[in-house]
Amino acid sequence: MESGEVVTGPEGEEVVLGDVGTSIVYENDHVRVWEVLLEPGEVQPWHRHHHPYLVIAIEEAHNRMDFLDGRPPRHMHETVGRVVFRNIGAPHMLTNEGTTRYRSRLIELKCLDLPMDEEVR
């Protein structure tokens, strides 16, 4: 895990990055599986993915992804069973801006080495 990494924010401030999920559910040499659990209004702090990953929504919510580099936020309606693949990318944080709890499994693919790109479809 790479939490504790220090990066520079848009105003030149130091930002300490956190974990990509709430807790680790499973890990081996090839994958790391996180639970991401956000109550309404709760935030997954600034973090960066160092491995390509899949997100599988288990509980539905309206989320917002903010990026440390200042690009516009991404608003997402996470429906149960929705699966998204993303590559490594810029530091960001996730906010549950809905009225329901958000829960997902985030699966880091530690053995997959791809060039950095915000999202691969």
PDB file of N, CA and C in Angstrom:
ATOM      1  N   MET A   1       0.843  -1.173   0.000  1.00  0.00           N
ATOM      2  CA  MET A   1       0.000   0.000   0.000  1.00  0.00           C
ATOM      3  C   MET A   1       0.882   1.228   0.000  1.00  0.00           C
ATOM      4  N   GLU A   2       0.372   2.288  -0.546  1.00  0.00           N
ATOM      5  CA  GLU A   2       1.186   3.479  -0.703  1.00  0.00           C
ATOM      6  C   GLU A   2       0.653   4.663   0.095  1.00  0.00           C
ATOM      7  N   SER A   3      -0.169   4.438   1.129  1.00  0.00           N
ATOM      8  CA  SER A   3      -0.655   5.557   1.914  1.00  0.00           C
ATOM      9  C   SER A   3       0.530   6.217   2.602  1.00  0.00           C
ATOM     10  N   GLY A   4       0.380   7.502   2.888  1.00  0.00           N
ATOM     11  CA  GLY A   4       1.464   8.261   3.485  1.00  0.00           C
ATOM     12  C   GLY A   4       2.318   8.995   2.467  1.00  0.00           C
ATOM     13  N   GLU A   5       2.112   8.706   1.171  1.00  0.00           N
ATOM     14  CA  GLU A   5       2.826   9.415   0.116  1.00  0.00           C
ATOM     15  C   GLU A   5       2.457  10.902   0.196  1.00  0.00           C
ATOM     16  N   VAL A   6       3.431  11.766   0.028  1.00  0.00           N
ATOM     17  CA  VAL A   6       3.194  13.210   0.071  1.00  0.00           C
ATOM     18  C   VAL A   6       3.301  13.762  -1.343  1.00  0.00           C
ATOM     19  N   VAL A   7       2.265  14.497  -1.766  1.00  0.00           N
ATOM     20  CA  VAL A   7       2.243  15.125  -3.088  1.00  0.00           C
ATOM     21  C   VAL A   7       1.969  16.610  -2.904  1.00  0.00           C
ATOM     22  N   THR A   8       2.176  17.373  -3.969  1.00  0.00           N
ATOM     23  CA  THR A   8       1.942  18.810  -3.928  1.00  0.00           C
ATOM     24  C   THR A   8       0.583  19.130  -4.517  1.00  0.00           C
ATOM     25  N   GLY A   9      -0.233  19.880  -3.768  1.00  0.00           N
ATOM     26  CA  GLY A   9      -1.554  20.293  -4.221  1.00  0.00           C
ATOM     27  C   GLY A   9      -1.480  21.479  -5.161  1.00  0.00           C
ATOM     28  N   PRO A  10      -2.619  21.902  -5.698  1.00  0.00           N
ATOM     29  CA  PRO A  10      -2.649  22.980  -6.694  1.00  0.00           C
ATOM     30  C   PRO A  10      -2.161  24.328  -6.175  1.00  0.00           C
ATOM     31  N   GLU A  11      -2.236  24.548  -4.862  1.00  0.00           N
ATOM     32  CA  GLU A  11      -1.773  25.811  -4.274  1.00  0.00           C
ATOM     33  C   GLU A  11      -0.361  25.691  -3.706  1.00  0.00           C
ATOM     34  N   GLY A  12       0.323  24.568  -4.023  1.00  0.00           N
ATOM     35  CA  GLY A  12       1.674  24.350  -3.532  1.00  0.00           C
ATOM     36  C   GLY A  12       1.731  23.705  -2.158  1.00  0.00           C
ATOM     37  N   GLU A  13       0.582  23.367  -1.591  1.00  0.00           N
ATOM     38  CA  GLU A  13       0.535  22.764  -0.267  1.00  0.00           C
ATOM     39  C   GLU A  13       0.866  21.278  -0.343  1.00  0.00           C
ATOM     40  N   GLU A  14       1.395  20.739   0.754  1.00  0.00           N
ATOM     41  CA  GLU A  14       1.667  19.316   0.819  1.00  0.00           C
ATOM     42  C   GLU A  14       0.388  18.579   1.195  1.00  0.00           C
ATOM     43  N   VAL A  15       0.106  17.491   0.499  1.00  0.00           N
ATOM     44  CA  VAL A  15      -1.066  16.661   0.761  1.00  0.00           C
ATOM     45  C   VAL A  15      -0.573  15.243   1.010  1.00  0.00           C
ATOM     46  N   VAL A  16      -0.958  14.680   2.155  1.00  0.00           N
ATOM     47  CA  VAL A  16      -0.595  13.306   2.480  1.00  0.00           C
ATOM     48  C   VAL A  16      -1.725  12.406   1.988  1.00  0.00           C
ATOM     49  N   LEU A  17      -1.386  11.459   1.128  1.00  0.00           N
ATOM     50  CA  LEU A  17      -2.384  10.571   0.552  1.00  0.00           C
ATOM     51  C   LEU A  17      -2.715   9.428   1.498  1.00  0.00           C
ATOM     52  N   GLY A  18      -3.987   9.005   1.445  1.00  0.00           N
ATOM     53  CA  GLY A  18      -4.456   7.908   2.273  1.00  0.00           C
ATOM     54  C   GLY A  18      -4.603   6.630   1.475  1.00  0.00           C
ATOM     55  N   ASP A  19      -5.241   5.646   2.084  1.00  0.00           N
ATOM     56  CA  ASP A  19      -5.496   4.368   1.434  1.00  0.00           C
ATOM     57  C   ASP A  19      -6.576   4.512   0.373  1.00  0.00           C
ATOM     58  N   VAL A  20      -6.593   3.578  -0.577  1.00  0.00           N
ATOM     59  CA  VAL A  20      -7.576   3.621  -1.662  1.00  0.00           C
ATOM     60  C   VAL A  20      -8.925   3.040  -1.241  1.00  0.00           C
ATOM     61  N   GLY A  21      -8.990   2.431  -0.080  1.00  0.00           N
ATOM     62  CA  GLY A  21     -10.242   1.854   0.396  1.00  0.00           C
ATOM     63  C   GLY A  21     -10.334   1.935   1.901  1.00  0.00           C
ATOM     64  N   THR A  22     -11.441   1.420   2.419  1.00  0.00           N
ATOM     65  CA  THR A  22     -11.702   1.462   3.854  1.00  0.00           C
ATOM     66  C   THR A  22     -10.948   0.361   4.587  1.00  0.00           C
ATOM     67  N   SER A  23     -10.977  -0.852   4.049  1.00  0.00           N
ATOM     68  CA  SER A  23     -10.274  -1.972   4.663  1.00  0.00           C
ATOM     69  C   SER A  23      -9.942  -3.019   3.601  1.00  0.00           C
ATOM     70  N   ILE A  24      -8.889  -3.790   3.856  1.00  0.00           N
ATOM     71  CA  ILE A  24      -8.497  -4.852   2.939  1.00  0.00           C
ATOM     72  C   ILE A  24      -9.290  -6.110   3.271  1.00  0.00           C
ATOM     73  N   VAL A  25      -9.920  -6.683   2.234  1.00  0.00           N
ATOM     74  CA  VAL A  25     -10.722  -7.892   2.388  1.00  0.00           C
ATOM     75  C   VAL A  25      -9.887  -9.130   2.064  1.00  0.00           C
ATOM     76  N   TYR A  26      -8.979  -9.000   1.081  1.00  0.00           N
ATOM     77  CA  TYR A  26      -8.171 -10.126   0.630  1.00  0.00           C
ATOM     78  C   TYR A  26      -6.933  -9.579  -0.074  1.00  0.00           C
ATOM     79  N   GLU A  27      -5.819 -10.305   0.047  1.00  0.00           N
ATOM     80  CA  GLU A  27      -4.615  -9.899  -0.685  1.00  0.00           C
ATOM     81  C   GLU A  27      -3.710 -11.103  -0.915  1.00  0.00           C
ATOM     82  N   ASN A  28      -3.116 -11.163  -2.111  1.00  0.00           N
ATOM     83  CA  ASN A  28      -2.044 -12.101  -2.408  1.00  0.00           C
ATOM     84  C   ASN A  28      -1.033 -11.367  -3.290  1.00  0.00           C
ATOM     85  N   ASP A  29      -0.133 -12.098  -3.938  1.00  0.00           N
ATOM     86  CA  ASP A  29       0.896 -11.458  -4.762  1.00  0.00           C
ATOM     87  C   ASP A  29       0.326 -10.789  -6.011  1.00  0.00           C
ATOM     88  N   HIS A  30      -0.875 -11.151  -6.416  1.00  0.00           N
ATOM     89  CA  HIS A  30      -1.437 -10.694  -7.683  1.00  0.00           C
ATOM     90  C   HIS A  30      -2.539  -9.654  -7.555  1.00  0.00           C
ATOM     91  N   VAL A  31      -3.333  -9.727  -6.491  1.00  0.00           N
ATOM     92  CA  VAL A  31      -4.458  -8.805  -6.312  1.00  0.00           C
ATOM     93  C   VAL A  31      -4.547  -8.349  -4.862  1.00  0.00           C
ATOM     94  N   ARG A  32      -5.168  -7.195  -4.694  1.00  0.00           N
ATOM     95  CA  ARG A  32      -5.539  -6.700  -3.367  1.00  0.00           C
ATOM     96  C   ARG A  32      -6.994  -6.259  -3.482  1.00  0.00           C
ATOM     97  N   VAL A  33      -7.848  -6.751  -2.600  1.00  0.00           N
ATOM     98  CA  VAL A  33      -9.271  -6.432  -2.637  1.00  0.00           C
ATOM     99  C   VAL A  33      -9.607  -5.569  -1.424  1.00  0.00           C
ATOM    100  N   TRP A  34     -10.153  -4.399  -1.702  1.00  0.00           N
ATOM    101  CA  TRP A  34     -10.550  -3.444  -0.669  1.00  0.00           C
ATOM    102  C   TRP A  34     -12.068  -3.395  -0.555  1.00  0.00           C
ATOM    103  N   GLU A  35     -12.556  -3.131   0.626  1.00  0.00           N
ATOM    104  CA  GLU A  35     -13.938  -2.678   0.781  1.00  0.00           C
ATOM    105  C   GLU A  35     -13.870  -1.162   0.814  1.00  0.00           C
ATOM    106  N   VAL A  36     -14.781  -0.524   0.090  1.00  0.00           N
ATOM    107  CA  VAL A  36     -14.953   0.927   0.166  1.00  0.00           C
ATOM    108  C   VAL A  36     -16.347   1.131   0.739  1.00  0.00           C
ATOM    109  N   LEU A  37     -16.427   1.807   1.863  1.00  0.00           N
ATOM    110  CA  LEU A  37     -17.692   2.020   2.564  1.00  0.00           C
ATOM    111  C   LEU A  37     -17.806   3.488   2.925  1.00  0.00           C
ATOM    112  N   LEU A  38     -18.791   4.163   2.344  1.00  0.00           N
ATOM    113  CA  LEU A  38     -19.002   5.595   2.605  1.00  0.00           C
ATOM    114  C   LEU A  38     -20.456   5.847   2.962  1.00  0.00           C
ATOM    115  N   GLU A  39     -20.681   6.382   4.136  1.00  0.00           N
ATOM    116  CA  GLU A  39     -22.020   6.823   4.525  1.00  0.00           C
ATOM    117  C   GLU A  39     -22.331   8.120   3.778  1.00  0.00           C
ATOM    118  N   PRO A  40     -23.597   8.526   3.710  1.00  0.00           N
ATOM    119  CA  PRO A  40     -23.932   9.785   3.039  1.00  0.00           C
ATOM    120  C   PRO A  40     -23.095  10.946   3.585  1.00  0.00           C
ATOM    121  N   GLY A  41     -22.476  11.692   2.673  1.00  0.00           N
ATOM    122  CA  GLY A  41     -21.642  12.830   3.044  1.00  0.00           C
ATOM    123  C   GLY A  41     -20.216  12.467   3.408  1.00  0.00           C
ATOM    124  N   GLU A  42     -19.921  11.203   3.561  1.00  0.00           N
ATOM    125  CA  GLU A  42     -18.579  10.775   3.953  1.00  0.00           C
ATOM    126  C   GLU A  42     -17.622  10.807   2.759  1.00  0.00           C
ATOM    127  N   VAL A  43     -16.330  10.985   3.062  1.00  0.00           N
ATOM    128  CA  VAL A  43     -15.296  11.155   2.040  1.00  0.00           C
ATOM    129  C   VAL A  43     -14.213  10.090   2.184  1.00  0.00           C
ATOM    130  N   GLN A  44     -13.824   9.491   1.063  1.00  0.00           N
ATOM    131  CA  GLN A  44     -12.603   8.676   1.007  1.00  0.00           C
ATOM    132  C   GLN A  44     -11.494   9.675   0.710  1.00  0.00           C
ATOM    133  N   PRO A  45     -10.534   9.883   1.618  1.00  0.00           N
ATOM    134  CA  PRO A  45      -9.571  10.976   1.460  1.00  0.00           C
ATOM    135  C   PRO A  45      -8.727  10.873   0.190  1.00  0.00           C
ATOM    136  N   TRP A  46      -7.962  11.935  -0.042  1.00  0.00           N
ATOM    137  CA  TRP A  46      -7.068  11.972  -1.202  1.00  0.00           C
ATOM    138  C   TRP A  46      -6.249  10.692  -1.246  1.00  0.00           C
ATOM    139  N   HIS A  47      -6.168  10.079  -2.414  1.00  0.00           N
ATOM    140  CA  HIS A  47      -5.394   8.854  -2.605  1.00  0.00           C
ATOM    141  C   HIS A  47      -5.026   8.724  -4.073  1.00  0.00           C
ATOM    142  N   ARG A  48      -4.103   7.815  -4.347  1.00  0.00           N
ATOM    143  CA  ARG A  48      -3.680   7.550  -5.719  1.00  0.00           C
ATOM    144  C   ARG A  48      -3.592   6.038  -5.902  1.00  0.00           C
ATOM    145  N   HIS A  49      -4.038   5.596  -7.066  1.00  0.00           N
ATOM    146  CA  HIS A  49      -3.953   4.176  -7.396  1.00  0.00           C
ATOM    147  C   HIS A  49      -2.620   3.917  -8.103  1.00  0.00           C
ATOM    148  N   HIS A  50      -1.880   2.957  -7.589  1.00  0.00           N
ATOM    149  CA  HIS A  50      -0.603   2.587  -8.176  1.00  0.00           C
ATOM    150  C   HIS A  50      -0.716   1.319  -9.016  1.00  0.00           C
ATOM    151  N   HIS A  51      -1.921   0.785  -9.100  1.00  0.00           N
ATOM    152  CA  HIS A  51      -2.192  -0.409  -9.896  1.00  0.00           C
ATOM    153  C   HIS A  51      -3.515  -0.213 -10.630  1.00  0.00           C
ATOM    154  N   PRO A  52      -3.676  -0.787 -11.819  1.00  0.00           N
ATOM    155  CA  PRO A  52      -4.999  -0.787 -12.452  1.00  0.00           C
ATOM    156  C   PRO A  52      -5.986  -1.479 -11.504  1.00  0.00           C
ATOM    157  N   TYR A  53      -7.266  -1.113 -11.618  1.00  0.00           N
ATOM    158  CA  TYR A  53      -8.223  -1.663 -10.662  1.00  0.00           C
ATOM    159  C   TYR A  53      -9.633  -1.730 -11.238  1.00  0.00           C
ATOM    160  N   LEU A  54     -10.416  -2.596 -10.623  1.00  0.00           N
ATOM    161  CA  LEU A  54     -11.845  -2.733 -10.906  1.00  0.00           C
ATOM    162  C   LEU A  54     -12.603  -2.276  -9.675  1.00  0.00           C
ATOM    163  N   VAL A  55     -13.766  -1.643  -9.905  1.00  0.00           N
ATOM    164  CA  VAL A  55     -14.664  -1.296  -8.810  1.00  0.00           C
ATOM    165  C   VAL A  55     -16.000  -1.966  -9.097  1.00  0.00           C
ATOM    166  N   ILE A  56     -16.500  -2.716  -8.114  1.00  0.00           N
ATOM    167  CA  ILE A  56     -17.796  -3.377  -8.234  1.00  0.00           C
ATOM    168  C   ILE A  56     -18.697  -2.820  -7.148  1.00  0.00           C
ATOM    169  N   ALA A  57     -19.769  -2.136  -7.554  1.00  0.00           N
ATOM    170  CA  ALA A  57     -20.695  -1.538  -6.595  1.00  0.00           C
ATOM    171  C   ALA A  57     -21.566  -2.618  -5.957  1.00  0.00           C
ATOM    172  N   ILE A  58     -21.644  -2.598  -4.637  1.00  0.00           N
ATOM    173  CA  ILE A  58     -22.467  -3.547  -3.889  1.00  0.00           C
ATOM    174  C   ILE A  58     -23.714  -2.850  -3.352  1.00  0.00           C
ATOM    175  N   GLU A  59     -23.583  -1.580  -3.012  1.00  0.00           N
ATOM    176  CA  GLU A  59     -24.720  -0.766  -2.577  1.00  0.00           C
ATOM    177  C   GLU A  59     -24.712   0.527  -3.377  1.00  0.00           C
ATOM    178  N   GLU A  60     -25.874   0.930  -3.830  1.00  0.00           N
ATOM    179  CA  GLU A  60     -26.055   2.059  -4.742  1.00  0.00           C
ATOM    180  C   GLU A  60     -25.865   3.405  -4.044  1.00  0.00           C
ATOM    181  N   ALA A  61     -25.282   4.367  -4.755  1.00  0.00           N
ATOM    182  CA  ALA A  61     -25.103   5.716  -4.220  1.00  0.00           C
ATOM    183  C   ALA A  61     -24.762   6.686  -5.343  1.00  0.00           C
ATOM    184  N   HIS A  62     -24.862   7.968  -5.025  1.00  0.00           N
ATOM    185  CA  HIS A  62     -24.424   9.045  -5.921  1.00  0.00           C
ATOM    186  C   HIS A  62     -23.087   9.552  -5.379  1.00  0.00           C
ATOM    187  N   ASN A  63     -22.025   9.407  -6.164  1.00  0.00           N
ATOM    188  CA  ASN A  63     -20.688   9.779  -5.725  1.00  0.00           C
ATOM    189  C   ASN A  63     -20.089  10.870  -6.606  1.00  0.00           C
ATOM    190  N   ARG A  64     -19.127  11.580  -6.020  1.00  0.00           N
ATOM    191  CA  ARG A  64     -18.387  12.603  -6.756  1.00  0.00           C
ATOM    192  C   ARG A  64     -16.899  12.327  -6.561  1.00  0.00           C
ATOM    193  N   MET A  65     -16.159  12.320  -7.663  1.00  0.00           N
ATOM    194  CA  MET A  65     -14.715  12.147  -7.623  1.00  0.00           C
ATOM    195  C   MET A  65     -14.084  13.501  -7.915  1.00  0.00           C
ATOM    196  N   ASP A  66     -13.300  14.011  -6.965  1.00  0.00           N
ATOM    197  CA  ASP A  66     -12.560  15.258  -7.136  1.00  0.00           C
ATOM    198  C   ASP A  66     -11.100  14.925  -7.369  1.00  0.00           C
ATOM    199  N   PHE A  67     -10.457  15.716  -8.229  1.00  0.00           N
ATOM    200  CA  PHE A  67      -9.076  15.463  -8.612  1.00  0.00           C
ATOM    201  C   PHE A  67      -8.164  16.541  -8.038  1.00  0.00           C
ATOM    202  N   LEU A  68      -7.034  16.131  -7.510  1.00  0.00           N
ATOM    203  CA  LEU A  68      -6.095  17.057  -6.877  1.00  0.00           C
ATOM    204  C   LEU A  68      -5.507  18.046  -7.869  1.00  0.00           C
ATOM    205  N   ASP A  69      -5.468  17.672  -9.157  1.00  0.00           N
ATOM    206  CA  ASP A  69      -4.899  18.581 -10.156  1.00  0.00           C
ATOM    207  C   ASP A  69      -5.878  19.673 -10.593  1.00  0.00           C
ATOM    208  N   GLY A  70      -7.080  19.689 -10.021  1.00  0.00           N
ATOM    209  CA  GLY A  70      -8.021  20.776 -10.286  1.00  0.00           C
ATOM    210  C   GLY A  70      -8.963  20.574 -11.448  1.00  0.00           C
ATOM    211  N   ARG A  71      -8.873  19.444 -12.163  1.00  0.00           N
ATOM    212  CA  ARG A  71      -9.821  19.217 -13.262  1.00  0.00           C
ATOM    213  C   ARG A  71     -11.236  19.106 -12.695  1.00  0.00           C
ATOM    214  N   PRO A  72     -12.258  19.290 -13.525  1.00  0.00           N
ATOM    215  CA  PRO A  72     -13.638  19.240 -13.025  1.00  0.00           C
ATOM    216  C   PRO A  72     -13.960  17.897 -12.368  1.00  0.00           C
ATOM    217  N   PRO A  73     -14.799  17.911 -11.327  1.00  0.00           N
ATOM    218  CA  PRO A  73     -15.169  16.657 -10.670  1.00  0.00           C
ATOM    219  C   PRO A  73     -15.987  15.761 -11.597  1.00  0.00           C
ATOM    220  N   ARG A  74     -15.961  14.474 -11.308  1.00  0.00           N
ATOM    221  CA  ARG A  74     -16.750  13.488 -12.045  1.00  0.00           C
ATOM    222  C   ARG A  74     -17.882  13.029 -11.118  1.00  0.00           C
ATOM    223  N   HIS A  75     -19.117  13.151 -11.582  1.00  0.00           N
ATOM    224  CA  HIS A  75     -20.282  12.699 -10.818  1.00  0.00           C
ATOM    225  C   HIS A  75     -20.714  11.347 -11.363  1.00  0.00           C
ATOM    226  N   MET A  76     -20.947  10.392 -10.440  1.00  0.00           N
ATOM    227  CA  MET A  76     -21.261   9.031 -10.861  1.00  0.00           C
ATOM    228  C   MET A  76     -22.437   8.500 -10.062  1.00  0.00           C
ATOM    229  N   HIS A  77     -23.373   7.893 -10.753  1.00  0.00           N
ATOM    230  CA  HIS A  77     -24.448   7.165 -10.086  1.00  0.00           C
ATOM    231  C   HIS A  77     -24.025   5.702 -10.076  1.00  0.00           C
ATOM    232  N   GLU A  78     -23.655   5.215  -8.911  1.00  0.00           N
ATOM    233  CA  GLU A  78     -23.168   3.844  -8.765  1.00  0.00           C
ATOM    234  C   GLU A  78     -24.357   2.929  -8.508  1.00  0.00           C
ATOM    235  N   THR A  79     -24.654   2.050  -9.448  1.00  0.00           N
ATOM    236  CA  THR A  79     -25.760   1.102  -9.296  1.00  0.00           C
ATOM    237  C   THR A  79     -25.218  -0.259  -8.882  1.00  0.00           C
ATOM    238  N   VAL A  80     -26.027  -1.020  -8.180  1.00  0.00           N
ATOM    239  CA  VAL A  80     -25.619  -2.342  -7.702  1.00  0.00           C
ATOM    240  C   VAL A  80     -25.194  -3.210  -8.883  1.00  0.00           C
ATOM    241  N   GLY A  81     -24.018  -3.803  -8.773  1.00  0.00           N
ATOM    242  CA  GLY A  81     -23.501  -4.681  -9.816  1.00  0.00           C
ATOM    243  C   GLY A  81     -22.697  -3.977 -10.893  1.00  0.00           C
ATOM    244  N   ARG A  82     -22.689  -2.649 -10.901  1.00  0.00           N
ATOM    245  CA  ARG A  82     -21.919  -1.904 -11.900  1.00  0.00           C
ATOM    246  C   ARG A  82     -20.437  -2.189 -11.701  1.00  0.00           C
ATOM    247  N   VAL A  83     -19.738  -2.459 -12.803  1.00  0.00           N
ATOM    248  CA  VAL A  83     -18.305  -2.733 -12.750  1.00  0.00           C
ATOM    249  C   VAL A  83     -17.588  -1.707 -13.622  1.00  0.00           C
ATOM    250  N   VAL A  84     -16.544  -1.094 -13.076  1.00  0.00           N
ATOM    251  CA  VAL A  84     -15.750  -0.104 -13.796  1.00  0.00           C
ATOM    252  C   VAL A  84     -14.291  -0.526 -13.716  1.00  0.00           C
ATOM    253  N   PHE A  85     -13.563  -0.416 -14.832  1.00  0.00           N
ATOM    254  CA  PHE A  85     -12.123  -0.649 -14.858  1.00  0.00           C
ATOM    255  C   PHE A  85     -11.438   0.693 -15.036  1.00  0.00           C
ATOM    256  N   ARG A  86     -10.450   0.961 -14.206  1.00  0.00           N
ATOM    257  CA  ARG A  86      -9.655   2.183 -14.341  1.00  0.00           C
ATOM    258  C   ARG A  86      -8.183   1.839 -14.208  1.00  0.00           C
ATOM    259  N   ASN A  87      -7.388   2.605 -14.907  1.00  0.00           N
ATOM    260  CA  ASN A  87      -5.952   2.459 -14.822  1.00  0.00           C
ATOM    261  C   ASN A  87      -5.431   3.368 -13.721  1.00  0.00           C
ATOM    262  N   ILE A  88      -4.141   3.277 -13.435  1.00  0.00           N
ATOM    263  CA  ILE A  88      -3.535   4.183 -12.464  1.00  0.00           C
ATOM    264  C   ILE A  88      -3.751   5.619 -12.947  1.00  0.00           C
ATOM    265  N   GLY A  89      -3.781   6.559 -12.030  1.00  0.00           N
ATOM    266  CA  GLY A  89      -4.057   7.921 -12.449  1.00  0.00           C
ATOM    267  C   GLY A  89      -3.695   8.942 -11.395  1.00  0.00           C
ATOM    268  N   ALA A  90      -4.244  10.114 -11.577  1.00  0.00           N
ATOM    269  CA  ALA A  90      -3.957  11.257 -10.715  1.00  0.00           C
ATOM    270  C   ALA A  90      -4.590  11.084  -9.336  1.00  0.00           C
ATOM    271  N   PRO A  91      -3.991  11.703  -8.312  1.00  0.00           N
ATOM    272  CA  PRO A  91      -4.604  11.663  -6.982  1.00  0.00           C
ATOM    273  C   PRO A  91      -6.016  12.251  -7.015  1.00  0.00           C
ATOM    274  N   HIS A  92      -6.905  11.605  -6.263  1.00  0.00           N
ATOM    275  CA  HIS A  92      -8.300  12.041  -6.209  1.00  0.00           C
ATOM    276  C   HIS A  92      -8.922  11.616  -4.893  1.00  0.00           C
ATOM    277  N   MET A  93     -10.125  12.101  -4.628  1.00  0.00           N
ATOM    278  CA  MET A  93     -10.885  11.651  -3.467  1.00  0.00           C
ATOM    279  C   MET A  93     -12.311  11.382  -3.914  1.00  0.00           C
ATOM    280  N   LEU A  94     -13.029  10.585  -3.121  1.00  0.00           N
ATOM    281  CA  LEU A  94     -14.386  10.182  -3.456  1.00  0.00           C
ATOM    282  C   LEU A  94     -15.318  10.612  -2.344  1.00  0.00           C
ATOM    283  N   THR A  95     -16.428  11.266  -2.712  1.00  0.00           N
ATOM    284  CA  THR A  95     -17.423  11.720  -1.746  1.00  0.00           C
ATOM    285  C   THR A  95     -18.759  11.096  -2.078  1.00  0.00           C
ATOM    286  N   ASN A  96     -19.425  10.547  -1.070  1.00  0.00           N
ATOM    287  CA  ASN A  96     -20.791  10.058  -1.240  1.00  0.00           C
ATOM    288  C   ASN A  96     -21.692  11.269  -1.071  1.00  0.00           C
ATOM    289  N   GLU A  97     -22.213  11.787  -2.188  1.00  0.00           N
ATOM    290  CA  GLU A  97     -23.073  12.968  -2.113  1.00  0.00           C
ATOM    291  C   GLU A  97     -24.548  12.597  -2.138  1.00  0.00           C
ATOM    292  N   GLY A  98     -24.860  11.323  -1.966  1.00  0.00           N
ATOM    293  CA  GLY A  98     -26.240  10.863  -1.971  1.00  0.00           C
ATOM    294  C   GLY A  98     -26.798  10.716  -0.564  1.00  0.00           C
ATOM    295  N   THR A  99     -27.937  10.037  -0.485  1.00  0.00           N
ATOM    296  CA  THR A  99     -28.629   9.830   0.792  1.00  0.00           C
ATOM    297  C   THR A  99     -28.568   8.373   1.243  1.00  0.00           C
ATOM    298  N   THR A 100     -27.870   7.532   0.488  1.00  0.00           N
ATOM    299  CA  THR A 100     -27.742   6.122   0.838  1.00  0.00           C
ATOM    300  C   THR A 100     -26.278   5.770   1.041  1.00  0.00           C
ATOM    301  N   ARG A 101     -26.040   4.727   1.800  1.00  0.00           N
ATOM    302  CA  ARG A 101     -24.674   4.252   2.019  1.00  0.00           C
ATOM    303  C   ARG A 101     -24.118   3.695   0.715  1.00  0.00           C
ATOM    304  N   TYR A 102     -22.831   3.952   0.449  1.00  0.00           N
ATOM    305  CA  TYR A 102     -22.147   3.379  -0.714  1.00  0.00           C
ATOM    306  C   TYR A 102     -21.199   2.303  -0.218  1.00  0.00           C
ATOM    307  N   ARG A 103     -21.261   1.152  -0.877  1.00  0.00           N
ATOM    308  CA  ARG A 103     -20.334   0.065  -0.559  1.00  0.00           C
ATOM    309  C   ARG A 103     -19.910  -0.589  -1.852  1.00  0.00           C
ATOM    310  N   SER A 104     -18.608  -0.862  -1.971  1.00  0.00           N
ATOM    311  CA  SER A 104     -18.083  -1.513  -3.174  1.00  0.00           C
ATOM    312  C   SER A 104     -16.887  -2.374  -2.803  1.00  0.00           C
ATOM    313  N   ARG A 105     -16.470  -3.162  -3.789  1.00  0.00           N
ATOM    314  CA  ARG A 105     -15.206  -3.880  -3.715  1.00  0.00           C
ATOM    315  C   ARG A 105     -14.309  -3.280  -4.784  1.00  0.00           C
ATOM    316  N   LEU A 106     -13.123  -2.893  -4.380  1.00  0.00           N
ATOM    317  CA  LEU A 106     -12.128  -2.333  -5.284  1.00  0.00           C
ATOM    318  C   LEU A 106     -11.016  -3.371  -5.385  1.00  0.00           C
ATOM    319  N   ILE A 107     -10.775  -3.864  -6.593  1.00  0.00           N
ATOM    320  CA  ILE A 107      -9.805  -4.934  -6.810  1.00  0.00           C
ATOM    321  C   ILE A 107      -8.603  -4.383  -7.555  1.00  0.00           C
ATOM    322  N   GLU A 108      -7.483  -4.249  -6.842  1.00  0.00           N
ATOM    323  CA  GLU A 108      -6.244  -3.790  -7.460  1.00  0.00           C
ATOM    324  C   GLU A 108      -5.560  -4.972  -8.142  1.00  0.00           C
ATOM    325  N   LEU A 109      -5.144  -4.770  -9.373  1.00  0.00           N
ATOM    326  CA  LEU A 109      -4.458  -5.800 -10.150  1.00  0.00           C
ATOM    327  C   LEU A 109      -2.955  -5.543 -10.054  1.00  0.00           C
ATOM    328  N   LYS A 110      -2.340  -6.070  -9.007  1.00  0.00           N
ATOM    329  CA  LYS A 110      -0.935  -5.788  -8.714  1.00  0.00           C
ATOM    330  C   LYS A 110       0.014  -6.340  -9.765  1.00  0.00           C
ATOM    331  N   CYS A 111      -0.399  -7.348 -10.506  1.00  0.00           N
ATOM    332  CA  CYS A 111       0.482  -7.996 -11.481  1.00  0.00           C
ATOM    333  C   CYS A 111       0.336  -7.412 -12.884  1.00  0.00           C
ATOM    334  N   LEU A 112      -0.549  -6.427 -13.077  1.00  0.00           N
ATOM    335  CA  LEU A 112      -0.796  -5.851 -14.392  1.00  0.00           C
ATOM    336  C   LEU A 112      -0.062  -4.524 -14.495  1.00  0.00           C
ATOM    337  N   ASP A 113       0.824  -4.391 -15.472  1.00  0.00           N
ATOM    338  CA  ASP A 113       1.622  -3.175 -15.639  1.00  0.00           C
ATOM    339  C   ASP A 113       1.183  -2.477 -16.922  1.00  0.00           C
ATOM    340  N   LEU A 114       0.415  -1.400 -16.783  1.00  0.00           N
ATOM    341  CA  LEU A 114      -0.065  -0.621 -17.924  1.00  0.00           C
ATOM    342  C   LEU A 114       0.450   0.799 -17.819  1.00  0.00           C
ATOM    343  N   PRO A 115       0.562   1.519 -18.947  1.00  0.00           N
ATOM    344  CA  PRO A 115       0.951   2.931 -18.866  1.00  0.00           C
ATOM    345  C   PRO A 115      -0.123   3.734 -18.152  1.00  0.00           C
ATOM    346  N   MET A 116       0.285   4.824 -17.498  1.00  0.00           N
ATOM    347  CA  MET A 116      -0.655   5.655 -16.755  1.00  0.00           C
ATOM    348  C   MET A 116      -1.672   6.295 -17.677  1.00  0.00           C
ATOM    349  N   ASP A 117      -2.940   6.156 -17.331  1.00  0.00           N
ATOM    350  CA  ASP A 117      -4.038   6.735 -18.089  1.00  0.00           C
ATOM    351  C   ASP A 117      -5.207   6.837 -17.117  1.00  0.00           C
ATOM    352  N   GLU A 118      -5.959   7.913 -17.161  1.00  0.00           N
ATOM    353  CA  GLU A 118      -7.026   8.089 -16.182  1.00  0.00           C
ATOM    354  C   GLU A 118      -8.079   6.996 -16.260  1.00  0.00           C
ATOM    355  N   GLU A 119      -8.489   6.631 -17.443  1.00  0.00           N
ATOM    356  CA  GLU A 119      -9.512   5.585 -17.554  1.00  0.00           C
ATOM    357  C   GLU A 119      -9.349   4.812 -18.851  1.00  0.00           C
ATOM    358  N   VAL A 120      -9.461   3.516 -18.760  1.00  0.00           N
ATOM    359  CA  VAL A 120      -9.396   2.636 -19.916  1.00  0.00           C
ATOM    360  C   VAL A 120     -10.761   2.006 -20.057  1.00  0.00           C
ATOM    361  N   ARG A 121     -11.300   1.968 -21.273  1.00  0.00           N
ATOM    362  CA  ARG A 121     -12.629   1.366 -21.475  1.00  0.00           C
ATOM    363  C   ARG A 121     -12.519   0.131 -22.311  1.00  0.00           C
TER     364      ARG A 121
END
